[in-house]
Amino acid sequence: MARMYLKLGVTHEELRAYTFEQKLEFMVKHTRTVSRMVAYAIVRGRVSGRLLNRPVAWMLRSCMHPSALEDAWMIALSTMSTIPFGNIIRLAEVMSLTAPNLSQRKQNGS
């Protein structure tokens, strides 16, 4: 999915700044790729993702309005973000794992 996104040559910020007409033009040009990316987001399994990706992508293209497909794609892109992991890493750096926690201090102080 990340490889497909990078091949499009557009950033998430650029997509968010597009007007409605620009988004529709983008979707007309890249409908197949976008629908396959949304299908990968829907069908997550390693084997089932490979087997069902193209039929699900076809169903999305034939049943969804291009602007709704673009909205689903933007949601799928936002789930690819690594920002929550950055927060966890910063929290782990701040925590001192060797320092006693509150319950251990209370028991030792009694």
N, C-alpha and C. Protein backbone atom coordinates (compact mmCIF):
# COMPACT_ATOMS: atom_id res chain seq x y z
N MET A 1 0.83 -1.18 0.00
CA MET A 1 0.00 0.00 0.00
C MET A 1 0.88 1.25 0.00
N ALA A 2 1.95 1.25 0.78
CA ALA A 2 2.84 2.40 0.82
C ALA A 2 3.53 2.60 -0.52
N ARG A 3 3.91 1.51 -1.16
CA ARG A 3 4.56 1.61 -2.47
C ARG A 3 3.61 2.22 -3.50
N MET A 4 2.36 1.82 -3.44
CA MET A 4 1.36 2.36 -4.38
C MET A 4 1.15 3.85 -4.13
N TYR A 5 1.13 4.23 -2.87
CA TYR A 5 0.94 5.64 -2.51
C TYR A 5 2.11 6.49 -3.02
N LEU A 6 3.31 6.00 -2.83
CA LEU A 6 4.48 6.76 -3.27
C LEU A 6 4.54 6.91 -4.79
N LYS A 7 4.04 5.92 -5.52
CA LYS A 7 4.03 6.00 -6.98
C LYS A 7 3.09 7.09 -7.49
N LEU A 8 2.10 7.48 -6.69
CA LEU A 8 1.16 8.52 -7.12
C LEU A 8 1.83 9.87 -7.23
N GLY A 9 2.88 10.10 -6.43
CA GLY A 9 3.63 11.35 -6.52
C GLY A 9 2.92 12.56 -5.93
N VAL A 10 2.10 12.35 -4.93
CA VAL A 10 1.39 13.45 -4.27
C VAL A 10 1.47 13.24 -2.76
N THR A 11 1.56 14.33 -2.01
CA THR A 11 1.63 14.21 -0.55
C THR A 11 0.24 14.33 0.05
N HIS A 12 0.12 13.88 1.28
CA HIS A 12 -1.15 13.94 1.99
C HIS A 12 -1.60 15.39 2.16
N GLU A 13 -0.68 16.29 2.44
CA GLU A 13 -1.01 17.71 2.62
C GLU A 13 -1.52 18.32 1.31
N GLU A 14 -0.90 17.94 0.19
CA GLU A 14 -1.36 18.44 -1.10
C GLU A 14 -2.78 17.97 -1.40
N LEU A 15 -3.05 16.71 -1.08
CA LEU A 15 -4.39 16.17 -1.31
C LEU A 15 -5.43 16.90 -0.47
N ARG A 16 -5.10 17.19 0.76
CA ARG A 16 -6.06 17.88 1.64
C ARG A 16 -6.32 19.30 1.17
N ALA A 17 -5.36 19.91 0.45
CA ALA A 17 -5.52 21.28 -0.02
C ALA A 17 -6.27 21.36 -1.36
N TYR A 18 -6.50 20.22 -2.02
CA TYR A 18 -7.19 20.22 -3.30
C TYR A 18 -8.63 20.70 -3.16
N THR A 19 -9.13 21.34 -4.19
CA THR A 19 -10.54 21.69 -4.25
C THR A 19 -11.32 20.44 -4.66
N PHE A 20 -12.64 20.54 -4.60
CA PHE A 20 -13.48 19.40 -4.97
C PHE A 20 -13.21 18.96 -6.40
N GLU A 21 -13.09 19.91 -7.32
CA GLU A 21 -12.85 19.60 -8.72
C GLU A 21 -11.48 18.96 -8.91
N GLN A 22 -10.47 19.44 -8.18
CA GLN A 22 -9.13 18.85 -8.28
C GLN A 22 -9.13 17.42 -7.75
N LYS A 23 -9.89 17.18 -6.68
CA LYS A 23 -9.98 15.82 -6.14
C LYS A 23 -10.64 14.89 -7.14
N LEU A 24 -11.72 15.35 -7.78
CA LEU A 24 -12.38 14.51 -8.77
C LEU A 24 -11.47 14.24 -9.97
N GLU A 25 -10.73 15.23 -10.40
CA GLU A 25 -9.78 15.04 -11.49
C GLU A 25 -8.70 14.03 -11.10
N PHE A 26 -8.21 14.13 -9.87
CA PHE A 26 -7.22 13.18 -9.38
C PHE A 26 -7.80 11.77 -9.36
N MET A 27 -9.05 11.67 -8.90
CA MET A 27 -9.68 10.35 -8.81
C MET A 27 -9.91 9.75 -10.20
N VAL A 28 -10.27 10.56 -11.18
CA VAL A 28 -10.45 10.06 -12.53
C VAL A 28 -9.13 9.48 -13.05
N LYS A 29 -8.06 10.16 -12.75
CA LYS A 29 -6.74 9.75 -13.23
C LYS A 29 -6.21 8.52 -12.49
N HIS A 30 -6.48 8.41 -11.18
CA HIS A 30 -5.87 7.36 -10.35
C HIS A 30 -6.90 6.45 -9.67
N THR A 31 -8.05 6.26 -10.27
CA THR A 31 -9.12 5.48 -9.63
C THR A 31 -8.70 4.06 -9.32
N ARG A 32 -8.03 3.41 -10.25
CA ARG A 32 -7.65 2.01 -10.03
C ARG A 32 -6.69 1.88 -8.84
N THR A 33 -5.69 2.70 -8.79
CA THR A 33 -4.72 2.62 -7.71
C THR A 33 -5.37 2.94 -6.37
N VAL A 34 -6.19 3.98 -6.34
CA VAL A 34 -6.85 4.36 -5.09
C VAL A 34 -7.79 3.26 -4.63
N SER A 35 -8.56 2.68 -5.55
CA SER A 35 -9.48 1.61 -5.15
C SER A 35 -8.73 0.39 -4.65
N ARG A 36 -7.58 0.09 -5.22
CA ARG A 36 -6.79 -1.05 -4.73
C ARG A 36 -6.23 -0.78 -3.34
N MET A 37 -5.84 0.49 -3.08
CA MET A 37 -5.33 0.83 -1.76
C MET A 37 -6.44 0.73 -0.71
N VAL A 38 -7.63 1.18 -1.05
CA VAL A 38 -8.77 1.07 -0.12
C VAL A 38 -9.11 -0.40 0.09
N ALA A 39 -9.04 -1.20 -0.97
CA ALA A 39 -9.31 -2.63 -0.83
C ALA A 39 -8.28 -3.30 0.09
N TYR A 40 -7.02 -2.90 -0.01
CA TYR A 40 -6.01 -3.43 0.91
C TYR A 40 -6.32 -3.02 2.35
N ALA A 41 -6.86 -1.84 2.55
CA ALA A 41 -7.22 -1.40 3.90
C ALA A 41 -8.41 -2.18 4.44
N ILE A 42 -9.31 -2.62 3.55
CA ILE A 42 -10.49 -3.37 3.98
C ILE A 42 -10.15 -4.83 4.22
N VAL A 43 -9.46 -5.45 3.26
CA VAL A 43 -9.11 -6.88 3.36
C VAL A 43 -7.67 -6.94 3.83
N ARG A 44 -7.47 -7.25 5.11
CA ARG A 44 -6.17 -7.11 5.76
C ARG A 44 -5.27 -8.34 5.72
N GLY A 45 -5.81 -9.51 5.56
CA GLY A 45 -4.99 -10.72 5.66
C GLY A 45 -3.94 -10.83 4.57
N ARG A 46 -2.86 -11.55 4.87
CA ARG A 46 -1.78 -11.71 3.89
C ARG A 46 -2.28 -12.47 2.67
N VAL A 47 -2.92 -13.60 2.88
CA VAL A 47 -3.42 -14.39 1.75
C VAL A 47 -4.72 -13.81 1.21
N SER A 48 -5.66 -13.51 2.11
CA SER A 48 -6.95 -12.98 1.64
C SER A 48 -6.79 -11.61 0.99
N GLY A 49 -5.83 -10.83 1.46
CA GLY A 49 -5.58 -9.54 0.84
C GLY A 49 -5.14 -9.66 -0.60
N ARG A 50 -4.28 -10.63 -0.86
CA ARG A 50 -3.80 -10.84 -2.23
C ARG A 50 -4.89 -11.45 -3.12
N LEU A 51 -5.68 -12.36 -2.54
CA LEU A 51 -6.71 -13.02 -3.34
C LEU A 51 -7.91 -12.12 -3.62
N LEU A 52 -8.30 -11.33 -2.64
CA LEU A 52 -9.54 -10.56 -2.75
C LEU A 52 -9.34 -9.10 -3.11
N ASN A 53 -8.11 -8.65 -3.24
CA ASN A 53 -7.88 -7.23 -3.47
C ASN A 53 -8.52 -6.74 -4.76
N ARG A 54 -8.25 -7.38 -5.85
CA ARG A 54 -8.77 -6.90 -7.13
C ARG A 54 -10.30 -6.98 -7.21
N PRO A 55 -10.95 -8.08 -6.76
CA PRO A 55 -12.43 -8.07 -6.79
C PRO A 55 -13.04 -7.00 -5.88
N VAL A 56 -12.46 -6.79 -4.71
CA VAL A 56 -12.98 -5.75 -3.82
C VAL A 56 -12.75 -4.37 -4.43
N ALA A 57 -11.58 -4.15 -5.03
CA ALA A 57 -11.29 -2.87 -5.68
C ALA A 57 -12.27 -2.62 -6.83
N TRP A 58 -12.57 -3.65 -7.62
CA TRP A 58 -13.54 -3.50 -8.70
C TRP A 58 -14.92 -3.14 -8.14
N MET A 59 -15.32 -3.81 -7.06
CA MET A 59 -16.62 -3.52 -6.44
C MET A 59 -16.66 -2.07 -5.94
N LEU A 60 -15.57 -1.62 -5.33
CA LEU A 60 -15.51 -0.24 -4.86
C LEU A 60 -15.64 0.75 -6.02
N ARG A 61 -14.93 0.49 -7.11
CA ARG A 61 -15.00 1.38 -8.27
C ARG A 61 -16.39 1.42 -8.87
N SER A 62 -17.06 0.27 -8.91
CA SER A 62 -18.36 0.22 -9.57
C SER A 62 -19.51 0.67 -8.67
N CYS A 63 -19.35 0.60 -7.35
CA CYS A 63 -20.47 0.90 -6.45
C CYS A 63 -20.34 2.24 -5.71
N MET A 64 -19.16 2.79 -5.65
CA MET A 64 -18.96 4.02 -4.88
C MET A 64 -18.78 5.23 -5.79
N HIS A 65 -19.28 6.35 -5.34
CA HIS A 65 -19.04 7.61 -6.04
C HIS A 65 -17.56 7.97 -5.86
N PRO A 66 -16.92 8.56 -6.86
CA PRO A 66 -15.50 8.88 -6.75
C PRO A 66 -15.15 9.73 -5.53
N SER A 67 -16.01 10.67 -5.14
CA SER A 67 -15.69 11.49 -3.97
C SER A 67 -15.78 10.66 -2.69
N ALA A 68 -16.70 9.70 -2.62
CA ALA A 68 -16.79 8.82 -1.44
C ALA A 68 -15.58 7.89 -1.39
N LEU A 69 -15.15 7.41 -2.55
CA LEU A 69 -13.95 6.57 -2.60
C LEU A 69 -12.73 7.36 -2.17
N GLU A 70 -12.66 8.61 -2.56
CA GLU A 70 -11.54 9.46 -2.15
C GLU A 70 -11.56 9.68 -0.64
N ASP A 71 -12.75 9.87 -0.06
CA ASP A 71 -12.85 10.01 1.40
C ASP A 71 -12.39 8.74 2.11
N ALA A 72 -12.81 7.59 1.59
CA ALA A 72 -12.37 6.32 2.19
C ALA A 72 -10.86 6.16 2.07
N TRP A 73 -10.31 6.62 0.97
CA TRP A 73 -8.86 6.55 0.77
C TRP A 73 -8.12 7.44 1.76
N MET A 74 -8.65 8.64 1.99
CA MET A 74 -8.02 9.55 2.95
C MET A 74 -8.04 8.95 4.36
N ILE A 75 -9.12 8.27 4.70
CA ILE A 75 -9.19 7.59 6.01
C ILE A 75 -8.16 6.47 6.06
N ALA A 76 -8.03 5.71 4.98
CA ALA A 76 -7.03 4.63 4.94
C ALA A 76 -5.62 5.19 5.05
N LEU A 77 -5.37 6.33 4.42
CA LEU A 77 -4.05 6.95 4.52
C LEU A 77 -3.75 7.41 5.93
N SER A 78 -4.76 7.93 6.61
CA SER A 78 -4.52 8.40 7.98
C SER A 78 -4.22 7.25 8.93
N THR A 79 -4.68 6.05 8.60
CA THR A 79 -4.36 4.89 9.45
C THR A 79 -2.94 4.41 9.25
N MET A 80 -2.30 4.84 8.16
CA MET A 80 -0.92 4.45 7.90
C MET A 80 0.07 5.29 8.70
N SER A 81 -0.38 6.28 9.40
CA SER A 81 0.50 7.20 10.11
C SER A 81 1.27 6.48 11.21
N THR A 82 2.51 6.90 11.43
CA THR A 82 3.33 6.33 12.50
C THR A 82 3.41 7.25 13.70
N ILE A 83 2.62 8.31 13.74
CA ILE A 83 2.66 9.28 14.83
C ILE A 83 2.35 8.64 16.19
N PRO A 84 1.32 7.77 16.32
CA PRO A 84 1.09 7.17 17.64
C PRO A 84 2.30 6.41 18.17
N PHE A 85 3.07 5.77 17.29
CA PHE A 85 4.27 5.07 17.73
C PHE A 85 5.30 6.04 18.24
N GLY A 86 5.37 7.21 17.64
CA GLY A 86 6.28 8.25 18.12
C GLY A 86 5.94 8.68 19.53
N ASN A 87 4.65 8.78 19.83
CA ASN A 87 4.24 9.14 21.19
C ASN A 87 4.64 8.06 22.18
N ILE A 88 4.47 6.81 21.81
CA ILE A 88 4.84 5.70 22.70
C ILE A 88 6.35 5.70 22.93
N ILE A 89 7.12 5.94 21.89
CA ILE A 89 8.58 5.95 22.03
C ILE A 89 9.01 7.09 22.94
N ARG A 90 8.41 8.28 22.77
CA ARG A 90 8.76 9.40 23.66
C ARG A 90 8.41 9.09 25.11
N LEU A 91 7.27 8.46 25.35
CA LEU A 91 6.86 8.08 26.69
C LEU A 91 7.84 7.09 27.29
N ALA A 92 8.28 6.11 26.51
CA ALA A 92 9.23 5.12 27.01
C ALA A 92 10.58 5.76 27.33
N GLU A 93 10.97 6.78 26.57
CA GLU A 93 12.23 7.46 26.86
C GLU A 93 12.18 8.22 28.17
N VAL A 94 11.01 8.78 28.47
CA VAL A 94 10.84 9.59 29.68
C VAL A 94 10.75 8.70 30.92
N MET A 95 10.12 7.54 30.76
CA MET A 95 9.94 6.65 31.92
C MET A 95 11.28 6.09 32.38
N SER A 96 11.44 6.01 33.68
CA SER A 96 12.62 5.37 34.24
C SER A 96 12.19 4.00 34.74
N LEU A 97 12.57 2.98 34.03
CA LEU A 97 12.10 1.64 34.36
C LEU A 97 12.73 1.10 35.64
N THR A 98 13.86 1.63 36.06
CA THR A 98 14.52 1.12 37.26
C THR A 98 14.05 1.83 38.53
N ALA A 99 13.37 2.95 38.40
CA ALA A 99 12.88 3.68 39.58
C ALA A 99 11.67 2.96 40.16
N PRO A 100 11.55 2.90 41.49
CA PRO A 100 10.38 2.24 42.08
C PRO A 100 9.11 3.03 41.77
N ASN A 101 8.01 2.29 41.57
CA ASN A 101 6.76 2.98 41.31
C ASN A 101 6.09 3.35 42.65
N LEU A 102 4.95 3.97 42.62
CA LEU A 102 4.33 4.50 43.83
C LEU A 102 4.01 3.40 44.84
N SER A 103 3.52 2.26 44.40
CA SER A 103 3.16 1.20 45.35
C SER A 103 4.41 0.64 46.03
N GLN A 104 5.54 0.58 45.34
CA GLN A 104 6.74 0.08 45.96
C GLN A 104 7.29 1.09 46.99
N ARG A 105 7.16 2.36 46.73
CA ARG A 105 7.61 3.38 47.69
C ARG A 105 6.76 3.32 48.95
N LYS A 106 5.48 3.11 48.80
CA LYS A 106 4.58 3.08 49.94
C LYS A 106 4.90 1.87 50.84
N GLN A 107 5.18 0.74 50.26
CA GLN A 107 5.50 -0.45 51.04
C GLN A 107 6.85 -0.29 51.75
N ASN A 108 7.84 0.27 51.07
CA ASN A 108 9.17 0.44 51.67
C ASN A 108 9.15 1.48 52.76
N GLY A 109 8.30 2.52 52.66
CA GLY A 109 8.27 3.59 53.63
C GLY A 109 7.56 3.18 54.92
N SER A 110 6.76 2.14 54.94
CA SER A 110 5.98 1.75 56.12
C SER A 110 6.81 1.05 57.16
